[in-house]
Amino acid sequence: RYQIHTGLQHSIIRPTQPNCLPLDNVTLPQKLKEVGYSTHMVGKWHLGFYRRECMPTQRGFDTFFGSLLGSGDYYTHFKCDSPGICGYDLYENDNAAWDHDNGIYSTQMYTQKVQQILASHNPRKPVFLYIAYQAVHSPLQAPGEYFEHYRSINNINRRRYAAMLACLDEAINNVTLALKKYGYYENSIIIYSSDNGGQPMAGGSNWPLRGSKGTYWEGGIRAVGFVHSPLLKNKGSVCKELVHITDWFPTLITLAEGQINEDIQLDGYDIWETISEGRRSPRVDILHNIDPIYTKAKNGSWAAGYGIWNTAIQSAIRVNHWKLLTGNPGYSDWVPPQAFSNAGPNRWHNERVSWSAGKTVWLFNITADPYERVDLSARYPDVVKQLLQRLSQFNKTAVPVRYPPKDPRSNPKLNGGVWGPWFKEDEKKKKSDKSKGAKKQKKNKNKKKAN
């Protein structure tokens, strides 16, 4: 499902927020368990944990080993959300994994865990393994031996990033070797995918694409990936069709011969034939997002959106070759790779974009211009109107944003120094509250009579 259909269309789930993927959203592992799969998760969860029901083991995973937050130290698994709000964040199933707190770099530790799972499972029985490595997210940390090859990179962030990626490459190799060693490989499908574009301030590079992580420019949303399997019909081919992260849910359930209920409205498509046989994608559009809470564009208006859409709102949509952005699109420069030294962003390049005042709508032909250099919104007003209309239709189906204020009870100090579920619904408290409420009502009734 698109973010607008889960309520998670604004920002990310913060460690102190009482928020998680809504419990009525059925997950991929839950559907795979229905058809006899063992389901295991290793790595970063980041879908909320404020109550027990939000934890990975309650959302379809038989086992979970990893972190609940979005980031943390790769060696100590420690994370501060703000001064004094700090805690440990490494879990085995539903408990803090203190016994694993022995300074192993997370990429290597997660790989060891995956090897153990594969060694102890029967390869003749189906298994779904979701590995969400922490790398290459900040903080930029890597074991010393991986720096050797990258001494020639001047920019220290870029050098660290390269070292982290080298370690990650080795991890993927080790997972693949384990699949071969324990007898899974011939009947397996490996999907490798990233969640967003790079962060140039932290070693990443999206060049020659525009923008960075957290924006709706191609540099922020276009991610590379690959599918590797002996079961692919066309091997060694490149797929340039429209594929979106929501497509994995129906694709993998269908491959596993699971059932997708007719009544759950999905935004994803089964794209297996697109990937395996090079067929056209069933998808003609992608709603990148509509974020009604993000800082509004000062000059945005209904008039600028032809009365169809308020262009102050941050949104982006792709339909066939066309991509439309509205509102405040976020950091929008092109940042060349490597060339930048430690001098900082102001010296990186001379491609800073000064906006023509009042601009809140952009239109690009992404196939012809993936770098988003030529804005066509003035030249094709009819296309702009069509895409605004589509945005407006999507917006009618949006659910309210879930972005609650922080809850002081989330402080790890109140939870044994660990980030973990803090929202405890005490049955007794509920009952006593009910009886209190009933007494109050009775009192009020008597008062009324007396009056």
Protein backbone atom coordinates (compact mmCIF):
# COMPACT_ATOMS: atom_id res chain seq x y z
CA ARG A 1 0.00 0.00 0.00
CA TYR A 2 1.04 3.57 -0.65
CA GLN A 3 1.93 5.68 2.39
CA ILE A 4 -1.31 7.67 1.97
CA HIS A 5 -3.19 4.41 2.65
CA THR A 6 -1.34 3.54 5.87
CA GLY A 7 -1.21 6.99 7.50
CA LEU A 8 2.60 7.00 7.36
CA GLN A 9 2.87 9.62 4.61
CA HIS A 10 4.74 12.14 6.76
CA SER A 11 8.40 11.67 7.68
CA ILE A 12 9.44 8.54 9.61
CA ILE A 13 8.42 6.90 12.88
CA ARG A 14 10.51 8.57 15.59
CA PRO A 15 11.82 6.49 18.52
CA THR A 16 9.70 8.40 21.06
CA GLN A 17 6.45 8.37 19.06
CA PRO A 18 3.57 6.09 20.02
CA ASN A 19 3.17 5.01 16.41
CA CYS A 20 3.60 1.91 14.26
CA LEU A 21 2.44 0.33 11.02
CA PRO A 22 -1.32 0.08 11.68
CA LEU A 23 -2.21 -3.32 13.09
CA ASP A 24 -4.92 -3.92 10.50
CA ASN A 25 -2.32 -3.85 7.70
CA VAL A 26 -1.58 -7.48 6.82
CA THR A 27 2.14 -8.02 6.26
CA LEU A 28 4.04 -10.10 3.73
CA PRO A 29 5.34 -12.60 6.34
CA GLN A 30 1.82 -13.07 7.71
CA LYS A 31 0.59 -14.03 4.24
CA LEU A 32 3.55 -16.37 3.65
CA LYS A 33 2.99 -18.12 6.99
CA GLU A 34 -0.52 -18.98 5.77
CA VAL A 35 1.04 -21.15 3.06
CA GLY A 36 3.55 -22.91 5.29
CA TYR A 37 6.59 -20.65 5.18
CA SER A 38 8.97 -20.18 8.09
CA THR A 39 9.58 -16.45 8.36
CA HIS A 40 12.71 -14.84 9.79
CA MET A 41 13.81 -11.26 10.04
CA VAL A 42 17.35 -10.02 10.60
CA GLY A 43 18.22 -6.32 10.76
CA LYS A 44 16.44 -2.99 10.92
CA TRP A 45 12.69 -2.90 11.67
CA HIS A 46 11.76 0.80 11.92
CA LEU A 47 8.01 0.20 11.69
CA GLY A 48 7.24 1.17 15.28
CA PHE A 49 7.40 -0.65 18.60
CA TYR A 50 5.57 1.45 21.18
CA ARG A 51 3.36 -1.50 22.11
CA ARG A 52 4.02 -5.23 22.04
CA GLU A 53 1.59 -5.83 19.17
CA CYS A 54 3.77 -3.67 16.89
CA MET A 55 6.88 -5.85 17.30
CA PRO A 56 8.16 -7.95 14.34
CA THR A 57 7.29 -11.22 16.11
CA GLN A 58 3.67 -10.04 16.34
CA ARG A 59 3.58 -8.96 12.68
CA GLY A 60 4.32 -12.30 11.06
CA PHE A 61 7.95 -13.16 11.82
CA ASP A 62 8.72 -16.43 13.64
CA THR A 63 12.05 -14.96 14.73
CA PHE A 64 13.58 -11.50 14.84
CA PHE A 65 17.18 -10.46 15.44
CA GLY A 66 18.06 -6.83 14.94
CA SER A 67 17.24 -3.23 15.81
CA LEU A 68 13.89 -1.52 16.25
CA LEU A 69 14.97 2.04 15.42
CA GLY A 70 16.02 3.68 12.16
CA SER A 71 19.71 3.96 13.02
CA GLY A 72 22.27 3.57 15.79
CA ASP A 73 25.90 2.75 16.51
CA TYR A 74 27.12 -0.22 14.41
CA TYR A 75 29.23 -1.62 17.26
CA THR A 76 27.49 -0.70 20.53
CA HIS A 77 23.91 -0.78 19.14
CA PHE A 78 23.27 2.30 21.23
CA LYS A 79 21.14 5.24 20.10
CA CYS A 80 20.37 8.68 21.51
CA ASP A 81 17.25 10.34 20.21
CA SER A 82 18.05 13.58 22.05
CA PRO A 83 20.32 14.49 24.99
CA GLY A 84 19.54 12.18 27.91
CA ILE A 85 17.12 10.03 25.86
CA CYS A 86 19.45 7.15 25.05
CA GLY A 87 19.20 3.39 25.05
CA TYR A 88 20.33 0.02 23.78
CA ASP A 89 18.71 -1.24 20.58
CA LEU A 90 19.50 -4.85 19.73
CA TYR A 91 16.82 -7.52 20.02
CA GLU A 92 16.46 -11.26 19.86
CA ASN A 93 12.74 -11.83 19.32
CA ASP A 94 11.04 -9.75 22.05
CA ASN A 95 13.95 -9.20 24.42
CA ALA A 96 17.08 -7.08 24.45
CA ALA A 97 20.00 -9.18 23.17
CA TRP A 98 22.53 -8.10 25.80
CA ASP A 99 24.55 -11.30 25.34
CA HIS A 100 25.31 -10.19 21.75
CA ASP A 101 26.71 -6.89 22.96
CA ASN A 102 30.30 -7.81 22.19
CA GLY A 103 31.36 -5.12 19.76
CA ILE A 104 30.75 -6.98 16.50
CA TYR A 105 30.05 -4.70 13.53
CA SER A 106 26.35 -5.06 12.68
CA THR A 107 26.82 -6.00 9.00
CA GLN A 108 28.97 -8.98 10.04
CA MET A 109 26.81 -9.85 13.04
CA TYR A 110 23.64 -9.94 10.93
CA THR A 111 25.34 -12.13 8.33
CA GLN A 112 26.39 -14.64 11.02
CA LYS A 113 22.79 -14.77 12.22
CA VAL A 114 21.53 -15.45 8.67
CA GLN A 115 24.08 -18.27 8.30
CA GLN A 116 22.83 -19.84 11.57
CA ILE A 117 19.20 -19.67 10.41
CA LEU A 118 20.02 -21.32 7.08
CA ALA A 119 22.14 -24.00 8.75
CA SER A 120 19.36 -25.00 11.15
CA HIS A 121 16.39 -24.92 8.74
CA ASN A 122 15.35 -27.79 6.46
CA PRO A 123 15.99 -26.59 2.87
CA ARG A 124 13.10 -28.74 1.62
CA LYS A 125 10.68 -26.59 3.62
CA PRO A 126 9.86 -23.07 2.41
CA VAL A 127 11.54 -20.16 4.14
CA PHE A 128 11.19 -16.39 3.86
CA LEU A 129 14.21 -14.48 5.10
CA TYR A 130 14.04 -10.69 5.31
CA ILE A 131 17.48 -9.16 5.87
CA ALA A 132 17.48 -5.40 6.39
CA TYR A 133 21.12 -4.45 6.76
CA GLN A 134 21.89 -1.25 8.62
CA ALA A 135 24.59 -0.28 6.10
CA VAL A 136 25.08 2.22 4.53
CA HIS A 137 23.01 4.43 6.83
CA SER A 138 24.78 6.99 9.01
CA PRO A 139 26.66 6.95 11.37
CA LEU A 140 29.46 6.17 8.91
CA GLN A 141 31.38 3.33 10.59
CA ALA A 142 33.29 0.37 9.17
CA PRO A 143 35.95 -2.12 10.34
CA GLY A 144 39.49 -0.85 9.72
CA GLU A 145 40.50 -3.47 7.15
CA TYR A 146 37.94 -2.20 4.63
CA PHE A 147 39.52 1.25 4.41
CA GLU A 148 42.73 -0.03 2.81
CA HIS A 149 41.41 -0.01 -0.77
CA TYR A 150 39.99 3.51 -0.56
CA ARG A 151 42.91 5.61 0.60
CA SER A 152 42.77 7.50 -2.68
CA ILE A 153 39.36 9.00 -1.83
CA ASN A 154 39.99 12.43 -0.30
CA ASN A 155 36.56 13.00 1.10
CA ILE A 156 36.54 11.22 4.47
CA ASN A 157 32.77 10.59 4.42
CA ARG A 158 33.00 9.10 0.93
CA ARG A 159 35.91 6.90 2.01
CA ARG A 160 33.99 5.57 5.01
CA TYR A 161 30.93 5.01 2.85
CA ALA A 162 32.99 3.00 0.34
CA ALA A 163 34.41 0.88 3.18
CA MET A 164 30.92 0.21 4.55
CA LEU A 165 29.72 -0.81 1.10
CA ALA A 166 32.69 -3.14 0.56
CA CYS A 167 31.79 -4.88 3.81
CA LEU A 168 28.13 -5.08 2.71
CA ASP A 169 29.14 -6.59 -0.67
CA GLU A 170 31.09 -9.26 1.18
CA ALA A 171 28.03 -9.93 3.38
CA ILE A 172 25.80 -10.48 0.35
CA ASN A 173 28.39 -12.90 -1.04
CA ASN A 174 28.48 -14.79 2.28
CA VAL A 175 24.68 -15.08 2.38
CA THR A 176 24.69 -16.43 -1.20
CA LEU A 177 27.42 -18.95 -0.32
CA ALA A 178 25.32 -20.10 2.68
CA LEU A 179 22.29 -20.59 0.39
CA LYS A 180 24.48 -22.82 -1.81
CA LYS A 181 26.16 -24.66 1.06
CA TYR A 182 22.92 -25.61 2.82
CA GLY A 183 20.95 -26.57 -0.28
CA TYR A 184 18.58 -23.63 -0.85
CA TYR A 185 20.14 -21.91 -3.81
CA GLU A 186 18.63 -23.82 -6.76
CA ASN A 187 15.11 -23.07 -5.56
CA SER A 188 15.63 -19.56 -4.19
CA ILE A 189 14.90 -16.02 -5.26
CA ILE A 190 17.20 -13.31 -3.95
CA ILE A 191 15.87 -9.75 -4.11
CA TYR A 192 18.31 -6.96 -3.36
CA SER A 193 16.81 -3.52 -3.08
CA SER A 194 17.49 -0.15 -1.49
CA ASP A 195 14.94 2.02 0.28
CA ASN A 196 15.85 5.48 -1.03
CA GLY A 197 18.50 7.58 -2.72
CA GLY A 198 21.79 8.54 -1.13
CA GLN A 199 22.56 11.34 1.31
CA PRO A 200 25.42 13.41 -0.21
CA MET A 201 26.10 14.98 3.21
CA ALA A 202 26.88 11.49 4.53
CA GLY A 203 28.98 9.89 1.82
CA GLY A 204 26.21 8.99 -0.63
CA SER A 205 26.02 10.01 -4.28
CA ASN A 206 23.07 10.19 -6.64
CA TRP A 207 24.97 11.82 -9.51
CA PRO A 208 23.88 12.53 -12.20
CA LEU A 209 20.41 12.47 -10.67
CA ARG A 210 19.01 15.48 -8.89
CA GLY A 211 18.36 15.91 -5.17
CA SER A 212 19.01 13.65 -2.21
CA LYS A 213 17.39 11.27 0.26
CA GLY A 214 14.23 12.77 1.75
CA THR A 215 13.25 14.60 -1.44
CA TYR A 216 10.97 13.59 -4.31
CA TRP A 217 13.60 14.34 -6.97
CA GLU A 218 14.85 11.23 -8.75
CA GLY A 219 17.99 11.27 -6.59
CA GLY A 220 15.80 10.75 -3.54
CA ILE A 221 13.37 8.14 -4.83
CA ARG A 222 15.04 6.16 -7.60
CA ALA A 223 16.76 3.15 -6.08
CA VAL A 224 18.68 0.40 -7.82
CA GLY A 225 18.08 -3.27 -7.17
CA PHE A 226 18.38 -6.71 -8.66
CA VAL A 227 16.66 -10.07 -8.60
CA HIS A 228 18.89 -13.13 -8.80
CA SER A 229 17.50 -16.63 -9.20
CA PRO A 230 17.95 -19.85 -11.16
CA LEU A 231 14.15 -19.57 -11.68
CA LEU A 232 14.35 -16.41 -13.82
CA LYS A 233 13.45 -17.04 -17.47
CA ASN A 234 15.52 -14.16 -18.90
CA LYS A 235 18.80 -14.00 -17.05
CA GLY A 236 21.23 -11.09 -17.26
CA SER A 237 18.64 -8.63 -18.52
CA VAL A 238 17.91 -5.07 -17.40
CA CYS A 239 14.36 -4.10 -16.50
CA LYS A 240 13.48 -0.47 -17.23
CA GLU A 241 9.77 -0.80 -16.54
CA LEU A 242 7.94 0.98 -13.72
CA VAL A 243 8.40 -1.02 -10.51
CA HIS A 244 7.52 0.21 -7.03
CA ILE A 245 8.19 -1.16 -3.56
CA THR A 246 4.45 -1.90 -3.10
CA ASP A 247 4.76 -4.49 -5.89
CA TRP A 248 6.79 -6.96 -3.79
CA PHE A 249 3.77 -7.86 -1.63
CA PRO A 250 1.50 -9.23 -4.42
CA THR A 251 4.46 -10.52 -6.46
CA LEU A 252 5.94 -12.66 -3.69
CA ILE A 253 2.60 -13.90 -2.34
CA THR A 254 1.60 -15.02 -5.84
CA LEU A 255 4.97 -16.73 -6.36
CA ALA A 256 4.53 -18.57 -3.07
CA GLU A 257 1.03 -19.62 -4.17
CA GLY A 258 -0.58 -17.65 -1.37
CA GLN A 259 -3.98 -15.98 -1.44
CA ILE A 260 -4.57 -12.26 -1.79
CA ASN A 261 -8.02 -11.33 -0.47
CA GLU A 262 -10.07 -9.59 -3.10
CA ASP A 263 -11.33 -7.04 -0.61
CA ILE A 264 -7.97 -5.64 0.51
CA GLN A 265 -7.20 -2.79 -1.78
CA LEU A 266 -3.59 -2.97 -2.85
CA ASP A 267 -1.54 -0.36 -4.66
CA GLY A 268 1.00 -2.99 -5.76
CA TYR A 269 1.00 -5.26 -8.83
CA ASP A 270 2.36 -8.73 -9.53
CA ILE A 271 5.48 -7.87 -11.55
CA TRP A 272 7.10 -11.32 -11.75
CA GLU A 273 6.62 -11.65 -15.51
CA THR A 274 8.03 -8.15 -15.98
CA ILE A 275 11.19 -9.14 -14.13
CA SER A 276 11.49 -12.75 -15.25
CA GLU A 277 10.36 -12.54 -18.88
CA GLY A 278 10.84 -8.90 -19.81
CA ARG A 279 7.11 -8.22 -20.27
CA ARG A 280 5.56 -4.77 -19.91
CA SER A 281 4.83 -3.74 -16.35
CA PRO A 282 1.14 -3.79 -15.37
CA ARG A 283 1.85 -0.48 -13.62
CA VAL A 284 1.26 2.81 -15.47
CA ASP A 285 1.71 5.21 -12.57
CA ILE A 286 3.43 5.62 -9.21
CA LEU A 287 2.20 7.92 -6.50
CA HIS A 288 5.53 8.90 -4.95
CA ASN A 289 3.70 10.58 -2.08
CA ILE A 290 1.33 13.27 -0.88
CA ASP A 291 2.49 14.77 2.42
CA PRO A 292 -0.13 17.21 3.77
CA ILE A 293 1.98 18.09 6.84
CA TYR A 294 5.32 18.93 5.21
CA THR A 295 6.26 22.64 5.19
CA LYS A 296 3.90 24.29 2.73
CA ALA A 297 5.33 26.12 -0.28
CA LYS A 298 4.85 29.85 0.40
CA ASN A 299 3.74 30.63 -3.13
CA GLY A 300 1.56 27.57 -3.63
CA SER A 301 -2.11 28.03 -4.40
CA TRP A 302 -5.22 26.47 -5.93
CA ALA A 303 -4.88 28.96 -8.78
CA ALA A 304 -1.37 27.69 -9.62
CA GLY A 305 -2.92 24.21 -9.70
CA TYR A 306 -5.69 25.29 -12.10
CA GLY A 307 -8.26 24.94 -9.32
CA ILE A 308 -7.62 21.17 -9.30
CA TRP A 309 -4.89 20.99 -6.65
CA ASN A 310 -3.34 23.24 -4.03
CA THR A 311 0.29 23.47 -5.15
CA ALA A 312 1.44 24.47 -1.64
CA ILE A 313 1.22 20.75 -0.73
CA GLN A 314 4.30 18.60 -1.22
CA SER A 315 3.55 15.78 -3.62
CA ALA A 316 4.94 13.87 -6.59
CA ILE A 317 3.40 11.50 -9.11
CA ARG A 318 4.67 9.59 -12.11
CA VAL A 319 2.36 8.61 -15.00
CA ASN A 320 4.05 6.75 -17.87
CA HIS A 321 6.94 9.03 -18.94
CA TRP A 322 5.67 12.08 -17.07
CA LYS A 323 6.53 13.14 -13.55
CA LEU A 324 4.89 16.01 -11.72
CA LEU A 325 6.08 17.61 -8.47
CA THR A 326 4.21 20.21 -6.42
CA GLY A 327 4.92 22.20 -3.28
CA ASN A 328 8.23 22.32 -1.53
CA PRO A 329 10.34 19.65 -3.26
CA GLY A 330 13.30 19.69 -0.85
CA TYR A 331 17.03 19.94 -1.52
CA SER A 332 17.25 20.08 -5.28
CA ASP A 333 20.85 20.41 -6.42
CA TRP A 334 22.97 18.05 -8.50
CA VAL A 335 25.96 16.95 -6.44
CA PRO A 336 28.89 15.52 -8.41
CA PRO A 337 30.60 12.46 -6.88
CA GLN A 338 34.13 12.11 -5.54
CA ALA A 339 35.11 15.55 -6.79
CA PHE A 340 33.91 17.10 -3.59
CA SER A 341 36.62 17.44 -0.97
CA ASN A 342 35.99 18.13 2.69
CA ALA A 343 35.29 21.76 1.83
CA GLY A 344 31.57 21.44 2.39
CA PRO A 345 28.47 21.88 0.23
CA ASN A 346 29.03 25.50 -0.80
CA ARG A 347 32.13 24.57 -2.79
CA TRP A 348 31.00 21.30 -4.29
CA HIS A 349 29.72 22.58 -7.58
CA ASN A 350 28.36 25.52 -9.46
CA GLU A 351 25.01 23.96 -10.19
CA ARG A 352 23.06 25.54 -7.38
CA VAL A 353 19.53 26.17 -8.47
CA SER A 354 18.02 29.55 -7.78
CA TRP A 355 14.27 29.18 -8.04
CA SER A 356 12.35 31.54 -10.18
CA ALA A 357 10.13 33.15 -7.57
CA GLY A 358 6.77 31.57 -7.01
CA LYS A 359 7.43 28.19 -8.64
CA THR A 360 5.42 25.33 -7.12
CA VAL A 361 4.77 22.99 -10.08
CA TRP A 362 7.33 21.06 -12.14
CA LEU A 363 6.80 18.64 -15.00
CA PHE A 364 9.47 16.38 -16.49
CA ASN A 365 9.66 13.68 -19.11
CA ILE A 366 11.68 11.27 -16.99
CA THR A 367 12.45 8.85 -19.84
CA ALA A 368 14.01 11.60 -21.94
CA ASP A 369 15.34 13.62 -19.00
CA PRO A 370 15.99 11.45 -15.91
CA TYR A 371 18.15 14.28 -14.53
CA GLU A 372 15.16 16.64 -14.24
CA ARG A 373 16.95 19.52 -15.93
CA VAL A 374 14.20 20.61 -18.33
CA ASP A 375 10.95 21.71 -16.68
CA LEU A 376 8.10 21.30 -19.16
CA SER A 377 5.21 22.57 -17.03
CA ALA A 378 4.74 25.79 -19.04
CA ARG A 379 4.96 23.95 -22.36
CA TYR A 380 2.41 21.21 -21.58
CA PRO A 381 -0.33 22.69 -19.34
CA ASP A 382 -2.76 19.96 -20.41
CA VAL A 383 -0.43 17.23 -19.14
CA VAL A 384 -0.01 19.17 -15.91
CA LYS A 385 -3.81 19.28 -15.51
CA GLN A 386 -4.15 15.55 -16.17
CA LEU A 387 -1.54 14.69 -13.54
CA LEU A 388 -3.02 17.13 -11.02
CA GLN A 389 -6.38 15.44 -11.60
CA ARG A 390 -4.80 12.04 -10.88
CA LEU A 391 -3.19 13.43 -7.69
CA SER A 392 -6.56 14.77 -6.60
CA GLN A 393 -8.19 11.34 -7.19
CA PHE A 394 -5.50 9.62 -5.12
CA ASN A 395 -5.88 12.21 -2.38
CA LYS A 396 -9.58 11.39 -2.01
CA THR A 397 -8.57 7.88 -0.90
CA ALA A 398 -5.96 9.06 1.63
CA VAL A 399 -6.31 8.19 5.31
CA PRO A 400 -5.41 10.76 8.01
CA VAL A 401 -1.71 11.17 8.83
CA ARG A 402 -0.48 9.29 11.91
CA TYR A 403 2.22 11.46 13.47
CA PRO A 404 1.60 11.65 17.23
CA PRO A 405 3.62 13.84 19.62
CA LYS A 406 6.43 12.21 21.59
CA ASP A 407 5.49 10.22 24.68
CA PRO A 408 7.75 10.78 27.73
CA ARG A 409 7.16 7.14 28.77
CA SER A 410 9.28 6.09 25.77
CA ASN A 411 12.51 7.09 27.56
CA PRO A 412 14.75 3.98 27.76
CA LYS A 413 15.70 5.01 31.33
CA LEU A 414 12.21 3.89 32.33
CA ASN A 415 12.68 0.59 30.52
CA GLY A 416 15.95 -0.86 31.84
CA GLY A 417 18.07 1.23 29.47
CA VAL A 418 16.54 -0.38 26.38
CA TRP A 419 14.45 1.03 23.54
CA GLY A 420 11.32 -1.09 23.56
CA PRO A 421 7.53 -1.23 23.97
CA TRP A 422 6.45 1.21 26.66
CA PHE A 423 2.72 1.49 26.14
CA LYS A 424 1.26 -1.02 28.56
CA GLU A 425 -2.49 -1.31 28.66
CA ASP A 426 -3.22 -2.44 32.19
CA GLU A 427 -6.46 -4.42 32.30
CA LYS A 428 -7.03 -3.61 35.98
CA LYS A 429 -6.64 0.11 35.32
CA LYS A 430 -9.16 -0.14 32.49
CA LYS A 431 -11.66 -1.96 34.73
CA SER A 432 -11.23 0.50 37.60
CA ASP A 433 -11.59 3.41 35.16
CA LYS A 434 -14.82 1.86 33.89
CA SER A 435 -16.26 1.41 37.37
CA LYS A 436 -15.16 4.95 38.28
CA GLY A 437 -16.91 6.18 35.16
CA ALA A 438 -20.08 4.26 36.07
CA LYS A 439 -20.06 5.71 39.63
CA LYS A 440 -19.58 9.22 38.22
CA GLN A 441 -22.52 8.76 35.86
CA LYS A 442 -24.69 7.57 38.77
CA LYS A 443 -23.64 10.59 40.83
CA ASN A 444 -24.46 12.96 37.99
CA LYS A 445 -27.90 11.32 37.53
CA ASN A 446 -28.65 11.77 41.24
CA LYS A 447 -27.47 15.38 41.06
CA LYS A 448 -29.80 16.05 38.15
CA LYS A 449 -32.74 14.51 40.06
CA ALA A 450 -31.99 16.67 43.09
CA ASN A 451 -31.79 19.76 40.93
